[in-house]
């Protein structure tokens, strides 16, 4: 899993695919949560249009409800570094 963020755009991207995979389509779950899928419909990444510390439980639950394979994201300790 790879996490990147853009402070200017106030966006966080969690890449869940182990390798670079072409994004075939994006599913918009809300105005601030989008899931990128490969050609077979497997999630490859999740974009949150907020900074990492602002990703809410509601956003994570929305992702997990629609894509159960991403339910591990609800445990922030697996992908979000603590603030220093």
PDB file of N, CA and C in Angstrom:
ATOM      1  N   UNK A   1       0.852  -1.164   0.000  1.00  0.00           N
ATOM      2  CA  UNK A   1       0.000   0.000   0.000  1.00  0.00           C
ATOM      3  C   UNK A   1       0.904   1.235   0.000  1.00  0.00           C
ATOM      4  N   UNK A   2       0.523   2.205  -0.790  1.00  0.00           N
ATOM      5  CA  UNK A   2       1.295   3.435  -0.908  1.00  0.00           C
ATOM      6  C   UNK A   2       0.345   4.616  -0.724  1.00  0.00           C
ATOM      7  N   UNK A   3       0.730   5.554   0.124  1.00  0.00           N
ATOM      8  CA  UNK A   3      -0.110   6.721   0.391  1.00  0.00           C
ATOM      9  C   UNK A   3       0.625   7.973  -0.043  1.00  0.00           C
ATOM     10  N   UNK A   4      -0.082   8.823  -0.769  1.00  0.00           N
ATOM     11  CA  UNK A   4       0.484  10.109  -1.149  1.00  0.00           C
ATOM     12  C   UNK A   4      -0.559  11.180  -0.880  1.00  0.00           C
ATOM     13  N   UNK A   5      -0.070  12.390  -0.718  1.00  0.00           N
ATOM     14  CA  UNK A   5      -1.014  13.489  -0.531  1.00  0.00           C
ATOM     15  C   UNK A   5      -0.471  14.747  -1.168  1.00  0.00           C
ATOM     16  N   UNK A   6      -1.399  15.565  -1.565  1.00  0.00           N
ATOM     17  CA  UNK A   6      -1.096  16.827  -2.211  1.00  0.00           C
ATOM     18  C   UNK A   6      -1.682  17.922  -1.330  1.00  0.00           C
ATOM     19  N   UNK A   7      -0.807  18.643  -0.643  1.00  0.00           N
ATOM     20  CA  UNK A   7      -1.297  19.662   0.282  1.00  0.00           C
ATOM     21  C   UNK A   7      -1.979  20.815  -0.440  1.00  0.00           C
ATOM     22  N   UNK A   8      -1.523  21.118  -1.657  1.00  0.00           N
ATOM     23  CA  UNK A   8      -2.170  22.200  -2.415  1.00  0.00           C
ATOM     24  C   UNK A   8      -3.595  21.830  -2.800  1.00  0.00           C
ATOM     25  N   UNK A   9      -3.764  20.615  -3.295  1.00  0.00           N
ATOM     26  CA  UNK A   9      -5.091  20.154  -3.718  1.00  0.00           C
ATOM     27  C   UNK A   9      -5.914  19.636  -2.536  1.00  0.00           C
ATOM     28  N   UNK A  10      -5.258  19.480  -1.387  1.00  0.00           N
ATOM     29  CA  UNK A  10      -5.899  18.917  -0.200  1.00  0.00           C
ATOM     30  C   UNK A  10      -6.509  17.564  -0.529  1.00  0.00           C
ATOM     31  N   UNK A  11      -5.677  16.671  -1.082  1.00  0.00           N
ATOM     32  CA  UNK A  11      -6.140  15.354  -1.498  1.00  0.00           C
ATOM     33  C   UNK A  11      -5.181  14.274  -1.006  1.00  0.00           C
ATOM     34  N   UNK A  12      -5.752  13.141  -0.643  1.00  0.00           N
ATOM     35  CA  UNK A  12      -4.999  11.978  -0.187  1.00  0.00           C
ATOM     36  C   UNK A  12      -5.308  10.825  -1.117  1.00  0.00           C
ATOM     37  N   UNK A  13      -4.266  10.102  -1.564  1.00  0.00           N
ATOM     38  CA  UNK A  13      -4.475   8.944  -2.436  1.00  0.00           C
ATOM     39  C   UNK A  13      -3.850   7.729  -1.792  1.00  0.00           C
ATOM     40  N   UNK A  14      -4.644   6.676  -1.659  1.00  0.00           N
ATOM     41  CA  UNK A  14      -4.165   5.412  -1.106  1.00  0.00           C
ATOM     42  C   UNK A  14      -4.160   4.405  -2.246  1.00  0.00           C
ATOM     43  N   UNK A  15      -2.954   4.048  -2.695  1.00  0.00           N
ATOM     44  CA  UNK A  15      -2.812   3.041  -3.758  1.00  0.00           C
ATOM     45  C   UNK A  15      -2.821   1.679  -3.097  1.00  0.00           C
ATOM     46  N   UNK A  16      -3.766   0.848  -3.445  1.00  0.00           N
ATOM     47  CA  UNK A  16      -3.878  -0.468  -2.822  1.00  0.00           C
ATOM     48  C   UNK A  16      -3.335  -1.585  -3.702  1.00  0.00           C
ATOM     49  N   UNK A  17      -3.109  -1.318  -4.981  1.00  0.00           N
ATOM     50  CA  UNK A  17      -2.514  -2.314  -5.870  1.00  0.00           C
ATOM     51  C   UNK A  17      -1.020  -2.379  -5.593  1.00  0.00           C
ATOM     52  N   UNK A  18      -0.471  -3.586  -5.616  1.00  0.00           N
ATOM     53  CA  UNK A  18       0.950  -3.770  -5.346  1.00  0.00           C
ATOM     54  C   UNK A  18       1.840  -3.247  -6.465  1.00  0.00           C
ATOM     55  N   UNK A  19       1.317  -3.194  -7.663  1.00  0.00           N
ATOM     56  CA  UNK A  19       2.081  -2.728  -8.818  1.00  0.00           C
ATOM     57  C   UNK A  19       1.288  -1.657  -9.544  1.00  0.00           C
ATOM     58  N   UNK A  20       1.978  -0.932 -10.409  1.00  0.00           N
ATOM     59  CA  UNK A  20       1.270   0.063 -11.212  1.00  0.00           C
ATOM     60  C   UNK A  20       0.310  -0.649 -12.159  1.00  0.00           C
ATOM     61  N   UNK A  21      -0.940  -0.299 -12.055  1.00  0.00           N
ATOM     62  CA  UNK A  21      -1.995  -0.887 -12.863  1.00  0.00           C
ATOM     63  C   UNK A  21      -2.732   0.249 -13.539  1.00  0.00           C
ATOM     64  N   UNK A  22      -3.094   0.043 -14.779  1.00  0.00           N
ATOM     65  CA  UNK A  22      -3.856   1.063 -15.486  1.00  0.00           C
ATOM     66  C   UNK A  22      -5.248   1.205 -14.862  1.00  0.00           C
ATOM     67  N   UNK A  23      -5.652   2.436 -14.669  1.00  0.00           N
ATOM     68  CA  UNK A  23      -6.989   2.721 -14.145  1.00  0.00           C
ATOM     69  C   UNK A  23      -7.954   2.727 -15.318  1.00  0.00           C
ATOM     70  N   UNK A  24      -8.970   1.879 -15.228  1.00  0.00           N
ATOM     71  CA  UNK A  24      -9.959   1.766 -16.291  1.00  0.00           C
ATOM     72  C   UNK A  24     -11.121   2.734 -16.072  1.00  0.00           C
ATOM     73  N   UNK A  25     -11.517   2.874 -14.804  1.00  0.00           N
ATOM     74  CA  UNK A  25     -12.620   3.793 -14.489  1.00  0.00           C
ATOM     75  C   UNK A  25     -12.559   4.182 -13.022  1.00  0.00           C
ATOM     76  N   UNK A  26     -13.286   5.229 -12.696  1.00  0.00           N
ATOM     77  CA  UNK A  26     -13.343   5.726 -11.327  1.00  0.00           C
ATOM     78  C   UNK A  26     -14.796   5.767 -10.878  1.00  0.00           C
ATOM     79  N   UNK A  27     -15.047   5.237  -9.695  1.00  0.00           N
ATOM     80  CA  UNK A  27     -16.381   5.243  -9.105  1.00  0.00           C
ATOM     81  C   UNK A  27     -16.409   6.337  -8.047  1.00  0.00           C
ATOM     82  N   UNK A  28     -17.320   7.278  -8.208  1.00  0.00           N
ATOM     83  CA  UNK A  28     -17.465   8.369  -7.246  1.00  0.00           C
ATOM     84  C   UNK A  28     -18.454   7.936  -6.171  1.00  0.00           C
ATOM     85  N   UNK A  29     -17.958   7.770  -4.947  1.00  0.00           N
ATOM     86  CA  UNK A  29     -18.822   7.362  -3.843  1.00  0.00           C
ATOM     87  C   UNK A  29     -19.452   8.559  -3.155  1.00  0.00           C
ATOM     88  N   UNK A  30     -18.793   9.701  -3.228  1.00  0.00           N
ATOM     89  CA  UNK A  30     -19.321  10.957  -2.708  1.00  0.00           C
ATOM     90  C   UNK A  30     -18.539  12.078  -3.383  1.00  0.00           C
ATOM     91  N   UNK A  31     -18.808  13.299  -2.993  1.00  0.00           N
ATOM     92  CA  UNK A  31     -18.086  14.430  -3.584  1.00  0.00           C
ATOM     93  C   UNK A  31     -16.610  14.411  -3.225  1.00  0.00           C
ATOM     94  N   UNK A  32     -16.253  13.679  -2.166  1.00  0.00           N
ATOM     95  CA  UNK A  32     -14.862  13.682  -1.705  1.00  0.00           C
ATOM     96  C   UNK A  32     -14.210  12.299  -1.661  1.00  0.00           C
ATOM     97  N   UNK A  33     -14.910  11.263  -2.114  1.00  0.00           N
ATOM     98  CA  UNK A  33     -14.360   9.905  -2.082  1.00  0.00           C
ATOM     99  C   UNK A  33     -14.562   9.242  -3.442  1.00  0.00           C
ATOM    100  N   UNK A  34     -13.440   8.821  -4.048  1.00  0.00           N
ATOM    101  CA  UNK A  34     -13.480   8.139  -5.328  1.00  0.00           C
ATOM    102  C   UNK A  34     -12.614   6.892  -5.282  1.00  0.00           C
ATOM    103  N   UNK A  35     -13.048   5.833  -5.961  1.00  0.00           N
ATOM    104  CA  UNK A  35     -12.293   4.587  -6.009  1.00  0.00           C
ATOM    105  C   UNK A  35     -11.935   4.305  -7.463  1.00  0.00           C
ATOM    106  N   UNK A  36     -10.630   4.105  -7.717  1.00  0.00           N
ATOM    107  CA  UNK A  36     -10.141   3.762  -9.048  1.00  0.00           C
ATOM    108  C   UNK A  36     -10.152   2.252  -9.211  1.00  0.00           C
ATOM    109  N   UNK A  37     -10.635   1.786 -10.366  1.00  0.00           N
ATOM    110  CA  UNK A  37     -10.731   0.358 -10.656  1.00  0.00           C
ATOM    111  C   UNK A  37      -9.919   0.009 -11.885  1.00  0.00           C
ATOM    112  N   UNK A  38      -9.412  -1.243 -11.923  1.00  0.00           N
ATOM    113  CA  UNK A  38      -8.729  -1.710 -13.125  1.00  0.00           C
ATOM    114  C   UNK A  38      -9.774  -2.246 -14.105  1.00  0.00           C
ATOM    115  N   UNK A  39      -9.328  -2.798 -15.208  1.00  0.00           N
ATOM    116  CA  UNK A  39     -10.242  -3.260 -16.256  1.00  0.00           C
ATOM    117  C   UNK A  39     -11.141  -4.403 -15.799  1.00  0.00           C
ATOM    118  N   UNK A  40     -10.744  -5.130 -14.749  1.00  0.00           N
ATOM    119  CA  UNK A  40     -11.566  -6.234 -14.248  1.00  0.00           C
ATOM    120  C   UNK A  40     -12.465  -5.821 -13.087  1.00  0.00           C
ATOM    121  N   UNK A  41     -12.429  -4.532 -12.717  1.00  0.00           N
ATOM    122  CA  UNK A  41     -13.270  -4.031 -11.640  1.00  0.00           C
ATOM    123  C   UNK A  41     -12.658  -4.145 -10.259  1.00  0.00           C
ATOM    124  N   UNK A  42     -11.379  -4.471 -10.197  1.00  0.00           N
ATOM    125  CA  UNK A  42     -10.683  -4.588  -8.909  1.00  0.00           C
ATOM    126  C   UNK A  42     -10.181  -3.203  -8.495  1.00  0.00           C
ATOM    127  N   UNK A  43     -10.422  -2.810  -7.244  1.00  0.00           N
ATOM    128  CA  UNK A  43      -9.938  -1.503  -6.780  1.00  0.00           C
ATOM    129  C   UNK A  43      -8.409  -1.438  -6.789  1.00  0.00           C
ATOM    130  N   UNK A  44      -7.879  -0.322  -7.305  1.00  0.00           N
ATOM    131  CA  UNK A  44      -6.430  -0.119  -7.312  1.00  0.00           C
ATOM    132  C   UNK A  44      -6.027   1.073  -6.462  1.00  0.00           C
ATOM    133  N   UNK A  45      -6.984   1.940  -6.133  1.00  0.00           N
ATOM    134  CA  UNK A  45      -6.665   3.096  -5.314  1.00  0.00           C
ATOM    135  C   UNK A  45      -7.910   3.836  -4.884  1.00  0.00           C
ATOM    136  N   UNK A  46      -7.744   4.616  -3.812  1.00  0.00           N
ATOM    137  CA  UNK A  46      -8.845   5.412  -3.283  1.00  0.00           C
ATOM    138  C   UNK A  46      -8.349   6.837  -3.114  1.00  0.00           C
ATOM    139  N   UNK A  47      -9.129   7.780  -3.616  1.00  0.00           N
ATOM    140  CA  UNK A  47      -8.789   9.188  -3.461  1.00  0.00           C
ATOM    141  C   UNK A  47      -9.795   9.844  -2.528  1.00  0.00           C
ATOM    142  N   UNK A  48      -9.248  10.534  -1.530  1.00  0.00           N
ATOM    143  CA  UNK A  48     -10.044  11.314  -0.595  1.00  0.00           C
ATOM    144  C   UNK A  48      -9.674  12.774  -0.831  1.00  0.00           C
ATOM    145  N   UNK A  49     -10.628  13.609  -1.136  1.00  0.00           N
ATOM    146  CA  UNK A  49     -10.340  15.014  -1.401  1.00  0.00           C
ATOM    147  C   UNK A  49     -10.276  15.810  -0.100  1.00  0.00           C
ATOM    148  N   UNK A  50      -9.474  15.282   0.810  1.00  0.00           N
ATOM    149  CA  UNK A  50      -9.168  15.911   2.089  1.00  0.00           C
ATOM    150  C   UNK A  50      -7.748  15.505   2.454  1.00  0.00           C
ATOM    151  N   UNK A  51      -7.150  16.233   3.391  1.00  0.00           N
ATOM    152  CA  UNK A  51      -5.828  15.849   3.880  1.00  0.00           C
ATOM    153  C   UNK A  51      -5.945  14.570   4.706  1.00  0.00           C
ATOM    154  N   UNK A  52      -4.850  13.819   4.857  1.00  0.00           N
ATOM    155  CA  UNK A  52      -4.924  12.524   5.536  1.00  0.00           C
ATOM    156  C   UNK A  52      -5.604  12.563   6.907  1.00  0.00           C
ATOM    157  N   UNK A  53      -5.302  13.560   7.704  1.00  0.00           N
ATOM    158  CA  UNK A  53      -5.898  13.648   9.035  1.00  0.00           C
ATOM    159  C   UNK A  53      -7.384  13.932   9.035  1.00  0.00           C
ATOM    160  N   UNK A  54      -7.910  14.326   7.881  1.00  0.00           N
ATOM    161  CA  UNK A  54      -9.332  14.652   7.780  1.00  0.00           C
ATOM    162  C   UNK A  54     -10.166  13.519   7.170  1.00  0.00           C
ATOM    163  N   UNK A  55      -9.531  12.397   6.854  1.00  0.00           N
ATOM    164  CA  UNK A  55     -10.283  11.244   6.363  1.00  0.00           C
ATOM    165  C   UNK A  55     -11.102  10.720   7.545  1.00  0.00           C
ATOM    166  N   UNK A  56     -12.410  10.708   7.378  1.00  0.00           N
ATOM    167  CA  UNK A  56     -13.304  10.372   8.492  1.00  0.00           C
ATOM    168  C   UNK A  56     -13.713   8.899   8.482  1.00  0.00           C
ATOM    169  N   UNK A  57     -14.238   8.464   9.622  1.00  0.00           N
ATOM    170  CA  UNK A  57     -14.776   7.102   9.726  1.00  0.00           C
ATOM    171  C   UNK A  57     -15.908   6.900   8.724  1.00  0.00           C
ATOM    172  N   UNK A  58     -16.697   7.935   8.508  1.00  0.00           N
ATOM    173  CA  UNK A  58     -17.813   7.843   7.562  1.00  0.00           C
ATOM    174  C   UNK A  58     -17.285   7.580   6.150  1.00  0.00           C
ATOM    175  N   UNK A  59     -16.228   8.284   5.769  1.00  0.00           N
ATOM    176  CA  UNK A  59     -15.624   8.076   4.442  1.00  0.00           C
ATOM    177  C   UNK A  59     -15.098   6.652   4.304  1.00  0.00           C
ATOM    178  N   UNK A  60     -14.414   6.174   5.318  1.00  0.00           N
ATOM    179  CA  UNK A  60     -13.838   4.833   5.274  1.00  0.00           C
ATOM    180  C   UNK A  60     -14.923   3.768   5.248  1.00  0.00           C
ATOM    181  N   UNK A  61     -16.000   3.988   5.982  1.00  0.00           N
ATOM    182  CA  UNK A  61     -17.114   3.044   5.982  1.00  0.00           C
ATOM    183  C   UNK A  61     -17.792   3.018   4.614  1.00  0.00           C
ATOM    184  N   UNK A  62     -17.905   4.162   3.983  1.00  0.00           N
ATOM    185  CA  UNK A  62     -18.489   4.258   2.643  1.00  0.00           C
ATOM    186  C   UNK A  62     -17.695   3.397   1.657  1.00  0.00           C
ATOM    187  N   UNK A  63     -16.378   3.487   1.744  1.00  0.00           N
ATOM    188  CA  UNK A  63     -15.510   2.683   0.870  1.00  0.00           C
ATOM    189  C   UNK A  63     -15.691   1.193   1.175  1.00  0.00           C
ATOM    190  N   UNK A  64     -15.630   0.832   2.451  1.00  0.00           N
ATOM    191  CA  UNK A  64     -15.729  -0.576   2.844  1.00  0.00           C
ATOM    192  C   UNK A  64     -17.086  -1.180   2.508  1.00  0.00           C
ATOM    193  N   UNK A  65     -18.150  -0.389   2.637  1.00  0.00           N
ATOM    194  CA  UNK A  65     -19.492  -0.896   2.318  1.00  0.00           C
ATOM    195  C   UNK A  65     -19.621  -1.231   0.842  1.00  0.00           C
ATOM    196  N   UNK A  66     -19.058  -0.400  -0.012  1.00  0.00           N
ATOM    197  CA  UNK A  66     -19.170  -0.614  -1.461  1.00  0.00           C
ATOM    198  C   UNK A  66     -18.123  -1.598  -1.973  1.00  0.00           C
ATOM    199  N   UNK A  67     -16.938  -1.582  -1.336  1.00  0.00           N
ATOM    200  CA  UNK A  67     -15.834  -2.444  -1.765  1.00  0.00           C
ATOM    201  C   UNK A  67     -15.274  -3.168  -0.539  1.00  0.00           C
ATOM    202  N   UNK A  68     -15.891  -4.285  -0.136  1.00  0.00           N
ATOM    203  CA  UNK A  68     -15.452  -5.001   1.066  1.00  0.00           C
ATOM    204  C   UNK A  68     -13.964  -5.369   1.064  1.00  0.00           C
ATOM    205  N   UNK A  69     -13.381  -5.545  -0.102  1.00  0.00           N
ATOM    206  CA  UNK A  69     -11.953  -5.871  -0.174  1.00  0.00           C
ATOM    207  C   UNK A  69     -11.092  -4.745   0.396  1.00  0.00           C
ATOM    208  N   UNK A  70     -11.656  -3.544   0.525  1.00  0.00           N
ATOM    209  CA  UNK A  70     -10.921  -2.397   1.055  1.00  0.00           C
ATOM    210  C   UNK A  70     -11.244  -2.120   2.517  1.00  0.00           C
ATOM    211  N   UNK A  71     -11.902  -3.037   3.180  1.00  0.00           N
ATOM    212  CA  UNK A  71     -12.303  -2.803   4.567  1.00  0.00           C
ATOM    213  C   UNK A  71     -11.106  -2.618   5.500  1.00  0.00           C
ATOM    214  N   UNK A  72      -9.940  -3.119   5.135  1.00  0.00           N
ATOM    215  CA  UNK A  72      -8.743  -2.940   5.968  1.00  0.00           C
ATOM    216  C   UNK A  72      -8.365  -1.467   6.107  1.00  0.00           C
ATOM    217  N   UNK A  73      -8.809  -0.627   5.180  1.00  0.00           N
ATOM    218  CA  UNK A  73      -8.507   0.806   5.280  1.00  0.00           C
ATOM    219  C   UNK A  73      -9.128   1.435   6.521  1.00  0.00           C
ATOM    220  N   UNK A  74     -10.151   0.797   7.068  1.00  0.00           N
ATOM    221  CA  UNK A  74     -10.791   1.348   8.262  1.00  0.00           C
ATOM    222  C   UNK A  74      -9.830   1.370   9.452  1.00  0.00           C
ATOM    223  N   UNK A  75      -8.812   0.520   9.408  1.00  0.00           N
ATOM    224  CA  UNK A  75      -7.760   0.540  10.425  1.00  0.00           C
ATOM    225  C   UNK A  75      -6.673   1.479   9.922  1.00  0.00           C
ATOM    226  N   UNK A  76      -6.773   2.725  10.304  1.00  0.00           N
ATOM    227  CA  UNK A  76      -5.837   3.755   9.811  1.00  0.00           C
ATOM    228  C   UNK A  76      -4.379   3.422  10.096  1.00  0.00           C
ATOM    229  N   UNK A  77      -4.115   2.641  11.127  1.00  0.00           N
ATOM    230  CA  UNK A  77      -2.729   2.333  11.481  1.00  0.00           C
ATOM    231  C   UNK A  77      -2.024   1.543  10.382  1.00  0.00           C
ATOM    232  N   UNK A  78      -2.789   0.955   9.451  1.00  0.00           N
ATOM    233  CA  UNK A  78      -2.179   0.182   8.370  1.00  0.00           C
ATOM    234  C   UNK A  78      -1.725   1.068   7.219  1.00  0.00           C
ATOM    235  N   UNK A  79      -2.176   2.330   7.192  1.00  0.00           N
ATOM    236  CA  UNK A  79      -1.816   3.166   6.043  1.00  0.00           C
ATOM    237  C   UNK A  79      -1.546   4.639   6.384  1.00  0.00           C
ATOM    238  N   UNK A  80      -1.972   5.094   7.539  1.00  0.00           N
ATOM    239  CA  UNK A  80      -1.822   6.497   7.876  1.00  0.00           C
ATOM    240  C   UNK A  80      -0.779   6.661   8.968  1.00  0.00           C
ATOM    241  N   UNK A  81       0.268   7.393   8.652  1.00  0.00           N
ATOM    242  CA  UNK A  81       1.317   7.649   9.631  1.00  0.00           C
ATOM    243  C   UNK A  81       0.804   8.636  10.670  1.00  0.00           C
ATOM    244  N   UNK A  82       1.183   8.445  11.930  1.00  0.00           N
ATOM    245  CA  UNK A  82       0.752   9.403  12.948  1.00  0.00           C
ATOM    246  C   UNK A  82       1.390  10.761  12.730  1.00  0.00           C
ATOM    247  N   UNK A  83       0.692  11.798  13.109  1.00  0.00           N
ATOM    248  CA  UNK A  83       1.233  13.157  12.987  1.00  0.00           C
ATOM    249  C   UNK A  83       2.419  13.301  13.922  1.00  0.00           C
ATOM    250  N   UNK A  84       3.427  14.023  13.448  1.00  0.00           N
ATOM    251  CA  UNK A  84       4.609  14.194  14.301  1.00  0.00           C
ATOM    252  C   UNK A  84       4.672  15.582  14.874  1.00  0.00           C
TER     253      UNK A  84
END
